PDB file of N, CA and C in Angstrom:
ATOM      1  N   MET A   1       1.070  11.541 -20.531  1.00  0.00           N
ATOM      2  CA  MET A   1       0.719  11.502 -19.085  1.00  0.00           C
ATOM      3  C   MET A   1      -0.014  12.874 -19.001  1.00  0.00           C
ATOM      4  N   ALA A   2      -1.146  13.061 -18.328  1.00  0.00           N
ATOM      5  CA  ALA A   2      -2.037  14.111 -18.113  1.00  0.00           C
ATOM      6  C   ALA A   2      -1.554  14.911 -16.901  1.00  0.00           C
ATOM      7  N   THR A   3      -1.460  16.082 -16.916  1.00  0.00           N
ATOM      8  CA  THR A   3      -1.189  16.998 -15.863  1.00  0.00           C
ATOM      9  C   THR A   3      -2.352  17.717 -15.302  1.00  0.00           C
ATOM     10  N   VAL A   4      -2.566  17.908 -14.067  1.00  0.00           N
ATOM     11  CA  VAL A   4      -3.735  18.595 -13.536  1.00  0.00           C
ATOM     12  C   VAL A   4      -3.233  19.902 -12.965  1.00  0.00           C
ATOM     13  N   GLU A   5      -3.828  20.916 -13.467  1.00  0.00           N
ATOM     14  CA  GLU A   5      -3.649  22.259 -13.060  1.00  0.00           C
ATOM     15  C   GLU A   5      -4.710  22.900 -12.434  1.00  0.00           C
ATOM     16  N   ARG A   6      -4.353  23.636 -11.341  1.00  0.00           N
ATOM     17  CA  ARG A   6      -5.592  24.245 -10.639  1.00  0.00           C
ATOM     18  C   ARG A   6      -5.885  25.593 -11.219  1.00  0.00           C
ATOM     19  N   PRO A   7      -7.134  25.991 -11.092  1.00  0.00           N
ATOM     20  CA  PRO A   7      -7.565  27.263 -11.617  1.00  0.00           C
ATOM     21  C   PRO A   7      -6.697  28.368 -10.985  1.00  0.00           C
ATOM     22  N   GLY A   8      -6.195  29.325 -11.602  1.00  0.00           N
ATOM     23  CA  GLY A   8      -5.447  30.323 -11.305  1.00  0.00           C
ATOM     24  C   GLY A   8      -3.947  30.001 -11.149  1.00  0.00           C
ATOM     25  N   GLY A   9      -3.639  28.925 -11.532  1.00  0.00           N
ATOM     26  CA  GLY A   9      -2.187  28.415 -11.608  1.00  0.00           C
ATOM     27  C   GLY A   9      -1.409  28.374 -10.366  1.00  0.00           C
ATOM     28  N   ALA A  10      -1.760  28.921  -9.287  1.00  0.00           N
ATOM     29  CA  ALA A  10      -0.997  28.771  -8.132  1.00  0.00           C
ATOM     30  C   ALA A  10      -1.617  27.813  -7.077  1.00  0.00           C
ATOM     31  N   GLU A  11      -0.913  27.145  -6.442  1.00  0.00           N
ATOM     32  CA  GLU A  11      -1.142  26.027  -5.486  1.00  0.00           C
ATOM     33  C   GLU A  11      -1.328  26.647  -4.054  1.00  0.00           C
ATOM     34  N   PRO A  12      -2.390  26.361  -3.377  1.00  0.00           N
ATOM     35  CA  PRO A  12      -2.357  26.943  -2.093  1.00  0.00           C
ATOM     36  C   PRO A  12      -1.310  26.291  -1.016  1.00  0.00           C
ATOM     37  N   PRO A  13      -0.622  27.037  -0.156  1.00  0.00           N
ATOM     38  CA  PRO A  13       0.415  26.428   0.545  1.00  0.00           C
ATOM     39  C   PRO A  13      -0.152  25.336   1.598  1.00  0.00           C
ATOM     40  N   LEU A  14       0.721  24.390   1.788  1.00  0.00           N
ATOM     41  CA  LEU A  14       0.153  23.396   2.803  1.00  0.00           C
ATOM     42  C   LEU A  14       0.462  23.750   4.174  1.00  0.00           C
ATOM     43  N   ALA A  15      -0.531  23.348   5.148  1.00  0.00           N
ATOM     44  CA  ALA A  15      -0.418  23.624   6.508  1.00  0.00           C
ATOM     45  C   ALA A  15       0.683  22.734   6.925  1.00  0.00           C
ATOM     46  N   ALA A  16       1.053  22.936   8.108  1.00  0.00           N
ATOM     47  CA  ALA A  16       2.174  22.371   8.714  1.00  0.00           C
ATOM     48  C   ALA A  16       1.937  20.787   8.869  1.00  0.00           C
ATOM     49  N   SER A  17       0.712  20.515   9.283  1.00  0.00           N
ATOM     50  CA  SER A  17       0.313  19.070   9.573  1.00  0.00           C
ATOM     51  C   SER A  17       0.219  18.412   8.288  1.00  0.00           C
ATOM     52  N   GLN A  18      -0.257  19.133   7.220  1.00  0.00           N
ATOM     53  CA  GLN A  18      -0.557  18.346   5.856  1.00  0.00           C
ATOM     54  C   GLN A  18       1.094  18.171   5.385  1.00  0.00           C
ATOM     55  N   ALA A  19       1.997  19.077   5.427  1.00  0.00           N
ATOM     56  CA  ALA A  19       3.347  18.875   5.072  1.00  0.00           C
ATOM     57  C   ALA A  19       3.935  17.751   5.896  1.00  0.00           C
ATOM     58  N   GLN A  20       3.570  17.653   7.042  1.00  0.00           N
ATOM     59  CA  GLN A  20       4.057  16.566   7.941  1.00  0.00           C
ATOM     60  C   GLN A  20       3.538  15.215   7.412  1.00  0.00           C
ATOM     61  N   PHE A  21       2.317  15.198   7.112  1.00  0.00           N
ATOM     62  CA  PHE A  21       1.726  13.891   6.440  1.00  0.00           C
ATOM     63  C   PHE A  21       2.307  13.483   5.163  1.00  0.00           C
ATOM     64  N   VAL A  22       2.656  14.460   4.267  1.00  0.00           N
ATOM     65  CA  VAL A  22       3.174  14.200   3.075  1.00  0.00           C
ATOM     66  C   VAL A  22       4.689  13.609   3.306  1.00  0.00           C
ATOM     67  N   ARG A  23       5.427  14.194   4.159  1.00  0.00           N
ATOM     68  CA  ARG A  23       6.833  13.783   4.356  1.00  0.00           C
ATOM     69  C   ARG A  23       6.776  12.374   4.875  1.00  0.00           C
ATOM     70  N   ARG A  24       5.857  12.083   5.928  1.00  0.00           N
ATOM     71  CA  ARG A  24       5.757  10.686   6.573  1.00  0.00           C
ATOM     72  C   ARG A  24       5.374   9.728   5.563  1.00  0.00           C
ATOM     73  N   ALA A  25       4.480  10.103   4.628  1.00  0.00           N
ATOM     74  CA  ALA A  25       4.031   9.048   3.472  1.00  0.00           C
ATOM     75  C   ALA A  25       5.173   8.815   2.588  1.00  0.00           C
ATOM     76  N   LEU A  26       5.952   9.886   2.258  1.00  0.00           N
ATOM     77  CA  LEU A  26       7.209   9.644   1.434  1.00  0.00           C
ATOM     78  C   LEU A  26       8.168   8.821   2.185  1.00  0.00           C
ATOM     79  N   ARG A  27       8.463   9.023   3.368  1.00  0.00           N
ATOM     80  CA  ARG A  27       9.450   8.019   4.108  1.00  0.00           C
ATOM     81  C   ARG A  27       8.908   6.686   4.185  1.00  0.00           C
ATOM     82  N   ARG A  28       7.727   6.345   4.130  1.00  0.00           N
ATOM     83  CA  ARG A  28       7.047   5.043   4.329  1.00  0.00           C
ATOM     84  C   ARG A  28       6.979   4.360   2.984  1.00  0.00           C
ATOM     85  N   LYS A  29       7.223   5.039   1.812  1.00  0.00           N
ATOM     86  CA  LYS A  29       6.754   4.366   0.631  1.00  0.00           C
ATOM     87  C   LYS A  29       7.535   3.117   0.302  1.00  0.00           C
ATOM     88  N   LYS A  30       8.587   2.849   0.682  1.00  0.00           N
ATOM     89  CA  LYS A  30       9.419   1.609   0.593  1.00  0.00           C
ATOM     90  C   LYS A  30       8.589   0.628   1.397  1.00  0.00           C
ATOM     91  N   LEU A  31       8.493   0.963   2.705  1.00  0.00           N
ATOM     92  CA  LEU A  31       7.733   0.141   3.682  1.00  0.00           C
ATOM     93  C   LEU A  31       6.322  -0.414   3.084  1.00  0.00           C
ATOM     94  N   PHE A  32       5.635   0.407   2.394  1.00  0.00           N
ATOM     95  CA  PHE A  32       4.226   0.123   1.887  1.00  0.00           C
ATOM     96  C   PHE A  32       4.616  -1.081   0.898  1.00  0.00           C
ATOM     97  N   LEU A  33       5.581  -0.827   0.027  1.00  0.00           N
ATOM     98  CA  LEU A  33       5.722  -1.861  -1.070  1.00  0.00           C
ATOM     99  C   LEU A  33       6.291  -3.075  -0.510  1.00  0.00           C
ATOM    100  N   ALA A  34       7.104  -2.992   0.448  1.00  0.00           N
ATOM    101  CA  ALA A  34       7.639  -4.299   1.020  1.00  0.00           C
ATOM    102  C   ALA A  34       6.533  -4.974   1.756  1.00  0.00           C
ATOM    103  N   LEU A  35       5.546  -4.401   2.432  1.00  0.00           N
ATOM    104  CA  LEU A  35       4.565  -5.051   3.090  1.00  0.00           C
ATOM    105  C   LEU A  35       3.490  -5.575   2.092  1.00  0.00           C
ATOM    106  N   SER A  36       3.206  -4.902   0.998  1.00  0.00           N
ATOM    107  CA  SER A  36       2.486  -5.511   0.019  1.00  0.00           C
ATOM    108  C   SER A  36       2.951  -6.831  -0.531  1.00  0.00           C
ATOM    109  N   VAL A  37       4.152  -6.827  -0.840  1.00  0.00           N
ATOM    110  CA  VAL A  37       4.866  -8.071  -1.575  1.00  0.00           C
ATOM    111  C   VAL A  37       4.767  -9.083  -0.362  1.00  0.00           C
ATOM    112  N   ILE A  38       5.067  -8.849   0.776  1.00  0.00           N
ATOM    113  CA  ILE A  38       5.043  -9.888   1.774  1.00  0.00           C
ATOM    114  C   ILE A  38       3.643 -10.232   2.182  1.00  0.00           C
ATOM    115  N   GLY A  39       2.685  -9.366   2.000  1.00  0.00           N
ATOM    116  CA  GLY A  39       1.202  -9.818   2.192  1.00  0.00           C
ATOM    117  C   GLY A  39       0.726 -10.739   0.973  1.00  0.00           C
ATOM    118  N   VAL A  40       1.211 -10.513  -0.168  1.00  0.00           N
ATOM    119  CA  VAL A  40       0.777 -11.423  -1.270  1.00  0.00           C
ATOM    120  C   VAL A  40       1.423 -12.744  -1.183  1.00  0.00           C
ATOM    121  N   VAL A  41       2.675 -12.742  -0.966  1.00  0.00           N
ATOM    122  CA  VAL A  41       3.360 -14.010  -0.654  1.00  0.00           C
ATOM    123  C   VAL A  41       2.772 -14.793   0.407  1.00  0.00           C
ATOM    124  N   ALA A  42       2.534 -14.065   1.612  1.00  0.00           N
ATOM    125  CA  ALA A  42       1.855 -14.883   2.736  1.00  0.00           C
ATOM    126  C   ALA A  42       0.482 -15.257   2.255  1.00  0.00           C
ATOM    127  N   GLY A  43      -0.251 -14.586   1.600  1.00  0.00           N
ATOM    128  CA  GLY A  43      -1.719 -14.996   1.149  1.00  0.00           C
ATOM    129  C   GLY A  43      -1.657 -16.141   0.281  1.00  0.00           C
ATOM    130  N   LEU A  44      -0.810 -15.970  -0.711  1.00  0.00           N
ATOM    131  CA  LEU A  44      -0.637 -17.173  -1.653  1.00  0.00           C
ATOM    132  C   LEU A  44      -0.194 -18.394  -1.066  1.00  0.00           C
ATOM    133  N   GLY A  45       0.760 -18.247  -0.116  1.00  0.00           N
ATOM    134  CA  GLY A  45       1.363 -19.441   0.687  1.00  0.00           C
ATOM    135  C   GLY A  45       0.302 -20.044   1.532  1.00  0.00           C
ATOM    136  N   LEU A  46      -0.449 -19.411   2.159  1.00  0.00           N
ATOM    137  CA  LEU A  46      -1.601 -19.956   2.932  1.00  0.00           C
ATOM    138  C   LEU A  46      -2.555 -20.527   2.030  1.00  0.00           C
ATOM    139  N   ALA A  47      -2.911 -20.025   0.943  1.00  0.00           N
ATOM    140  CA  ALA A  47      -3.775 -20.623   0.018  1.00  0.00           C
ATOM    141  C   ALA A  47      -3.374 -22.067  -0.463  1.00  0.00           C
ATOM    142  N   VAL A  48      -2.096 -21.950  -0.784  1.00  0.00           N
ATOM    143  CA  VAL A  48      -1.358 -23.184  -1.272  1.00  0.00           C
ATOM    144  C   VAL A  48      -1.424 -24.288   0.024  1.00  0.00           C
ATOM    145  N   LEU A  49      -1.100 -23.737   1.145  1.00  0.00           N
ATOM    146  CA  LEU A  49      -1.029 -24.669   2.399  1.00  0.00           C
ATOM    147  C   LEU A  49      -2.356 -25.348   2.473  1.00  0.00           C
ATOM    148  N   TYR A  50      -3.460 -24.555   2.457  1.00  0.00           N
ATOM    149  CA  TYR A  50      -4.788 -24.958   2.925  1.00  0.00           C
ATOM    150  C   TYR A  50      -5.190 -25.841   1.758  1.00  0.00           C
ATOM    151  N   THR A  51      -4.974 -25.566   0.456  1.00  0.00           N
ATOM    152  CA  THR A  51      -5.257 -26.553  -0.669  1.00  0.00           C
ATOM    153  C   THR A  51      -4.722 -27.832  -0.530  1.00  0.00           C
ATOM    154  N   VAL A  52      -3.202 -27.896  -0.126  1.00  0.00           N
ATOM    155  CA  VAL A  52      -2.770 -29.187   0.068  1.00  0.00           C
ATOM    156  C   VAL A  52      -3.478 -29.930   1.280  1.00  0.00           C
ATOM    157  N   LEU A  53      -3.596 -29.281   2.386  1.00  0.00           N
ATOM    158  CA  LEU A  53      -4.235 -29.891   3.626  1.00  0.00           C
ATOM    159  C   LEU A  53      -5.521 -30.318   3.086  1.00  0.00           C
ATOM    160  N   ARG A  54      -6.405 -29.765   2.350  1.00  0.00           N
ATOM    161  CA  ARG A  54      -7.722 -30.138   1.918  1.00  0.00           C
ATOM    162  C   ARG A  54      -7.478 -31.389   1.002  1.00  0.00           C
ATOM    163  N   VAL A  55      -6.640 -31.370   0.186  1.00  0.00           N
ATOM    164  CA  VAL A  55      -6.511 -32.525  -0.798  1.00  0.00           C
ATOM    165  C   VAL A  55      -6.087 -33.680   0.038  1.00  0.00           C
ATOM    166  N   ARG A  56      -5.071 -33.719   1.097  1.00  0.00           N
ATOM    167  CA  ARG A  56      -4.873 -34.669   1.814  1.00  0.00           C
ATOM    168  C   ARG A  56      -5.967 -35.249   3.024  1.00  0.00           C
ATOM    169  N   ASN A  57      -6.727 -34.247   3.291  1.00  0.00           N
ATOM    170  CA  ASN A  57      -7.705 -34.578   4.233  1.00  0.00           C
ATOM    171  C   ASN A  57      -9.014 -33.974   3.721  1.00  0.00           C
ATOM    172  N   PRO A  58     -10.051 -34.661   3.177  1.00  0.00           N
ATOM    173  CA  PRO A  58     -11.351 -34.059   2.706  1.00  0.00           C
ATOM    174  C   PRO A  58     -12.055 -33.524   3.743  1.00  0.00           C
ATOM    175  N   HIS A  59     -11.858 -33.703   5.036  1.00  0.00           N
ATOM    176  CA  HIS A  59     -12.656 -33.191   6.145  1.00  0.00           C
ATOM    177  C   HIS A  59     -12.099 -31.899   6.692  1.00  0.00           C
ATOM    178  N   PHE A  60     -11.009 -31.416   6.166  1.00  0.00           N
ATOM    179  CA  PHE A  60     -10.320 -30.318   6.489  1.00  0.00           C
ATOM    180  C   PHE A  60     -11.285 -29.090   6.128  1.00  0.00           C
ATOM    181  N   GLU A  61     -11.536 -28.241   7.343  1.00  0.00           N
ATOM    182  CA  GLU A  61     -12.392 -27.088   7.188  1.00  0.00           C
ATOM    183  C   GLU A  61     -11.479 -26.063   6.460  1.00  0.00           C
ATOM    184  N   VAL A  62     -11.929 -25.450   5.388  1.00  0.00           N
ATOM    185  CA  VAL A  62     -11.423 -24.318   4.682  1.00  0.00           C
ATOM    186  C   VAL A  62     -11.975 -23.023   4.791  1.00  0.00           C
ATOM    187  N   SER A  63     -13.292 -22.973   5.258  1.00  0.00           N
ATOM    188  CA  SER A  63     -14.199 -21.788   5.214  1.00  0.00           C
ATOM    189  C   SER A  63     -13.444 -20.624   5.925  1.00  0.00           C
ATOM    190  N   ALA A  64     -13.116 -20.859   7.250  1.00  0.00           N
ATOM    191  CA  ALA A  64     -12.726 -19.914   7.957  1.00  0.00           C
ATOM    192  C   ALA A  64     -11.199 -19.441   7.620  1.00  0.00           C
ATOM    193  N   ARG A  65     -10.472 -20.359   7.125  1.00  0.00           N
ATOM    194  CA  ARG A  65      -9.182 -20.152   6.894  1.00  0.00           C
ATOM    195  C   ARG A  65      -9.233 -19.544   5.382  1.00  0.00           C
ATOM    196  N   ALA A  66     -10.246 -19.690   4.568  1.00  0.00           N
ATOM    197  CA  ALA A  66     -10.333 -18.820   3.276  1.00  0.00           C
ATOM    198  C   ALA A  66     -10.544 -17.509   3.562  1.00  0.00           C
ATOM    199  N   VAL A  67     -11.297 -17.125   4.613  1.00  0.00           N
ATOM    200  CA  VAL A  67     -11.489 -15.690   5.180  1.00  0.00           C
ATOM    201  C   VAL A  67     -10.117 -14.966   5.509  1.00  0.00           C
ATOM    202  N   ILE A  68      -9.308 -15.796   5.909  1.00  0.00           N
ATOM    203  CA  ILE A  68      -8.031 -15.231   6.604  1.00  0.00           C
ATOM    204  C   ILE A  68      -7.303 -14.913   5.309  1.00  0.00           C
ATOM    205  N   VAL A  69      -7.199 -15.751   4.381  1.00  0.00           N
ATOM    206  CA  VAL A  69      -6.445 -15.667   3.149  1.00  0.00           C
ATOM    207  C   VAL A  69      -6.929 -14.279   2.342  1.00  0.00           C
ATOM    208  N   VAL A  70      -8.269 -14.229   2.267  1.00  0.00           N
ATOM    209  CA  VAL A  70      -8.868 -12.983   1.652  1.00  0.00           C
ATOM    210  C   VAL A  70      -8.472 -11.828   2.327  1.00  0.00           C
ATOM    211  N   LEU A  71      -8.577 -11.767   3.625  1.00  0.00           N
ATOM    212  CA  LEU A  71      -8.166 -10.637   4.497  1.00  0.00           C
ATOM    213  C   LEU A  71      -6.672 -10.309   4.412  1.00  0.00           C
ATOM    214  N   VAL A  72      -5.827 -11.219   4.296  1.00  0.00           N
ATOM    215  CA  VAL A  72      -4.351 -10.962   4.127  1.00  0.00           C
ATOM    216  C   VAL A  72      -4.107 -10.239   2.730  1.00  0.00           C
ATOM    217  N   LEU A  73      -4.857 -10.854   1.749  1.00  0.00           N
ATOM    218  CA  LEU A  73      -4.688 -10.310   0.359  1.00  0.00           C
ATOM    219  C   LEU A  73      -5.375  -8.886   0.192  1.00  0.00           C
ATOM    220  N   LEU A  74      -6.409  -8.655   1.061  1.00  0.00           N
ATOM    221  CA  LEU A  74      -6.982  -7.351   0.898  1.00  0.00           C
ATOM    222  C   LEU A  74      -6.054  -6.234   1.627  1.00  0.00           C
ATOM    223  N   ASN A  75      -5.352  -6.804   2.660  1.00  0.00           N
ATOM    224  CA  ASN A  75      -4.475  -5.892   3.286  1.00  0.00           C
ATOM    225  C   ASN A  75      -3.245  -5.559   2.303  1.00  0.00           C
ATOM    226  N   ALA A  76      -2.851  -6.555   1.669  1.00  0.00           N
ATOM    227  CA  ALA A  76      -1.743  -6.370   0.518  1.00  0.00           C
ATOM    228  C   ALA A  76      -1.964  -5.398  -0.252  1.00  0.00           C
ATOM    229  N   ARG A  77      -3.336  -5.532  -0.834  1.00  0.00           N
ATOM    230  CA  ARG A  77      -3.830  -4.391  -1.775  1.00  0.00           C
ATOM    231  C   ARG A  77      -3.911  -2.961  -1.126  1.00  0.00           C
ATOM    232  N   GLN A  78      -4.294  -2.988   0.047  1.00  0.00           N
ATOM    233  CA  GLN A  78      -4.358  -1.621   0.604  1.00  0.00           C
ATOM    234  C   GLN A  78      -2.839  -1.122   0.759  1.00  0.00           C
ATOM    235  N   ASN A  79      -1.939  -1.924   1.147  1.00  0.00           N
ATOM    236  CA  ASN A  79      -0.592  -1.441   1.161  1.00  0.00           C
ATOM    237  C   ASN A  79       0.034  -1.072  -0.210  1.00  0.00           C
ATOM    238  N   LEU A  80      -0.447  -1.672  -1.183  1.00  0.00           N
ATOM    239  CA  LEU A  80       0.047  -1.347  -2.522  1.00  0.00           C
ATOM    240  C   LEU A  80      -0.709   0.045  -2.944  1.00  0.00           C
ATOM    241  N   ARG A  81      -1.793   0.219  -2.393  1.00  0.00           N
ATOM    242  CA  ARG A  81      -2.583   1.606  -2.895  1.00  0.00           C
ATOM    243  C   ARG A  81      -1.869   2.589  -1.990  1.00  0.00           C
ATOM    244  N   GLN A  82      -1.466   2.372  -0.802  1.00  0.00           N
ATOM    245  CA  GLN A  82      -0.749   3.396  -0.087  1.00  0.00           C
ATOM    246  C   GLN A  82       0.685   3.665  -0.669  1.00  0.00           C
ATOM    247  N   TYR A  83       1.358   2.716  -1.373  1.00  0.00           N
ATOM    248  CA  TYR A  83       2.544   3.018  -1.921  1.00  0.00           C
ATOM    249  C   TYR A  83       2.322   3.810  -3.132  1.00  0.00           C
ATOM    250  N   ARG A  84       1.163   3.648  -4.049  1.00  0.00           N
ATOM    251  CA  ARG A  84       0.914   4.421  -5.054  1.00  0.00           C
ATOM    252  C   ARG A  84       0.506   5.842  -4.731  1.00  0.00           C
ATOM    253  N   TYR A  85      -0.238   6.025  -3.556  1.00  0.00           N
ATOM    254  CA  TYR A  85      -0.570   7.431  -3.194  1.00  0.00           C
ATOM    255  C   TYR A  85       0.726   7.988  -2.808  1.00  0.00           C
ATOM    256  N   ALA A  86       1.703   7.414  -2.242  1.00  0.00           N
ATOM    257  CA  ALA A  86       2.996   7.921  -1.967  1.00  0.00           C
ATOM    258  C   ALA A  86       3.791   8.350  -3.235  1.00  0.00           C
ATOM    259  N   GLU A  87       3.685   7.619  -4.182  1.00  0.00           N
ATOM    260  CA  GLU A  87       4.394   8.025  -5.371  1.00  0.00           C
ATOM    261  C   GLU A  87       3.658   9.287  -5.964  1.00  0.00           C
ATOM    262  N   VAL A  88       2.546   9.444  -5.907  1.00  0.00           N
ATOM    263  CA  VAL A  88       1.830  10.585  -6.519  1.00  0.00           C
ATOM    264  C   VAL A  88       2.001  11.772  -5.624  1.00  0.00           C
ATOM    265  N   LEU A  89       2.293  11.589  -4.362  1.00  0.00           N
ATOM    266  CA  LEU A  89       2.505  12.669  -3.400  1.00  0.00           C
ATOM    267  C   LEU A  89       4.080  13.120  -3.674  1.00  0.00           C
ATOM    268  N   GLU A  90       4.905  12.209  -4.012  1.00  0.00           N
ATOM    269  CA  GLU A  90       6.221  12.486  -4.226  1.00  0.00           C
ATOM    270  C   GLU A  90       6.424  13.199  -5.608  1.00  0.00           C
ATOM    271  N   LYS A  91       5.467  13.002  -6.571  1.00  0.00           N
ATOM    272  CA  LYS A  91       5.657  13.672  -7.875  1.00  0.00           C
ATOM    273  C   LYS A  91       5.132  15.000  -7.637  1.00  0.00           C
ATOM    274  N   ALA A  92       3.956  15.229  -6.771  1.00  0.00           N
ATOM    275  CA  ALA A  92       3.471  16.418  -6.576  1.00  0.00           C
ATOM    276  C   ALA A  92       4.139  17.431  -5.619  1.00  0.00           C
ATOM    277  N   PHE A  93       4.729  16.796  -4.520  1.00  0.00           N
ATOM    278  CA  PHE A  93       5.277  17.657  -3.552  1.00  0.00           C
ATOM    279  C   PHE A  93       6.613  17.428  -3.213  1.00  0.00           C
ATOM    280  N   GLY A  94       7.252  16.310  -3.773  1.00  0.00           N
ATOM    281  CA  GLY A  94       8.503  15.939  -3.358  1.00  0.00           C
ATOM    282  C   GLY A  94       9.581  16.944  -3.442  1.00  0.00           C
ATOM    283  N   ALA A  95       9.734  17.822  -4.442  1.00  0.00           N
ATOM    284  CA  ALA A  95      10.768  18.797  -4.548  1.00  0.00           C
ATOM    285  C   ALA A  95      10.415  20.100  -3.654  1.00  0.00           C
ATOM    286  N   SER A  96       9.234  20.356  -3.531  1.00  0.00           N
ATOM    287  CA  SER A  96       8.804  21.411  -2.592  1.00  0.00           C
ATOM    288  C   SER A  96       8.926  21.258  -1.191  1.00  0.00           C
ATOM    289  N   LEU A  97       8.954  19.849  -0.775  1.00  0.00           N
ATOM    290  CA  LEU A  97       9.125  19.593   0.627  1.00  0.00           C
ATOM    291  C   LEU A  97      10.580  19.018   0.796  1.00  0.00           C
ATOM    292  N   GLY A  98      11.437  19.078  -0.038  1.00  0.00           N
ATOM    293  CA  GLY A  98      12.840  18.497   0.193  1.00  0.00           C
ATOM    294  C   GLY A  98      13.012  17.104  -0.151  1.00  0.00           C
ATOM    295  N   GLY A  99      12.216  16.443  -1.039  1.00  0.00           N
ATOM    296  CA  GLY A  99      12.331  15.157  -1.607  1.00  0.00           C
ATOM    297  C   GLY A  99      11.923  14.132  -0.281  1.00  0.00           C
ATOM    298  N   SER A 100      12.081  12.916  -0.784  1.00  0.00           N
ATOM    299  CA  SER A 100      11.633  11.749  -0.009  1.00  0.00           C
ATOM    300  C   SER A 100      12.526  11.605   1.358  1.00  0.00           C
ATOM    301  N   ASP A 101      13.660  12.162   1.416  1.00  0.00           N
ATOM    302  CA  ASP A 101      14.709  12.023   2.574  1.00  0.00           C
ATOM    303  C   ASP A 101      14.382  13.043   3.592  1.00  0.00           C
ATOM    304  N   ALA A 102      13.534  13.986   3.324  1.00  0.00           N
ATOM    305  CA  ALA A 102      13.146  15.160   4.381  1.00  0.00           C
ATOM    306  C   ALA A 102      12.524  14.559   5.624  1.00  0.00           C
ATOM    307  N   ARG A 103      12.993  15.042   6.864  1.00  0.00           N
ATOM    308  CA  ARG A 103      12.232  14.581   7.993  1.00  0.00           C
ATOM    309  C   ARG A 103      11.598  15.653   8.667  1.00  0.00           C
TER     310      ARG A 103
END
C-alpha cells in the first residue's frame, strides 16, 4: 500500500469547520454503508419486480420505471463512495481527531 507524503513532511492544521466535517463523515460511515446496501437491494428488487410484471403483461411500460431503477442504483453507488471516503478520512485523520467516536 502506497503512502502519500506532503512536501516538507508536516501537515497543515485543519480549520475548525474542516475538523467538524471529518468528524461528521466518520460518524456517518456506517450509515453510508447501510444506505448503499439498502439501495442495491431496493434497485435489484424493483428490477426483478418490473421484469416479472413485463413477462406477465407484454404491454407493461418499463421505460420510466427503468429510469427509477437506474437512479436508485446510482444513489447506492454514491453512498458507497461516501463510505469509502469516510474510510480514507479515518485512516488519515482518525487518531488526530479522537477516532470515529469523537463528537
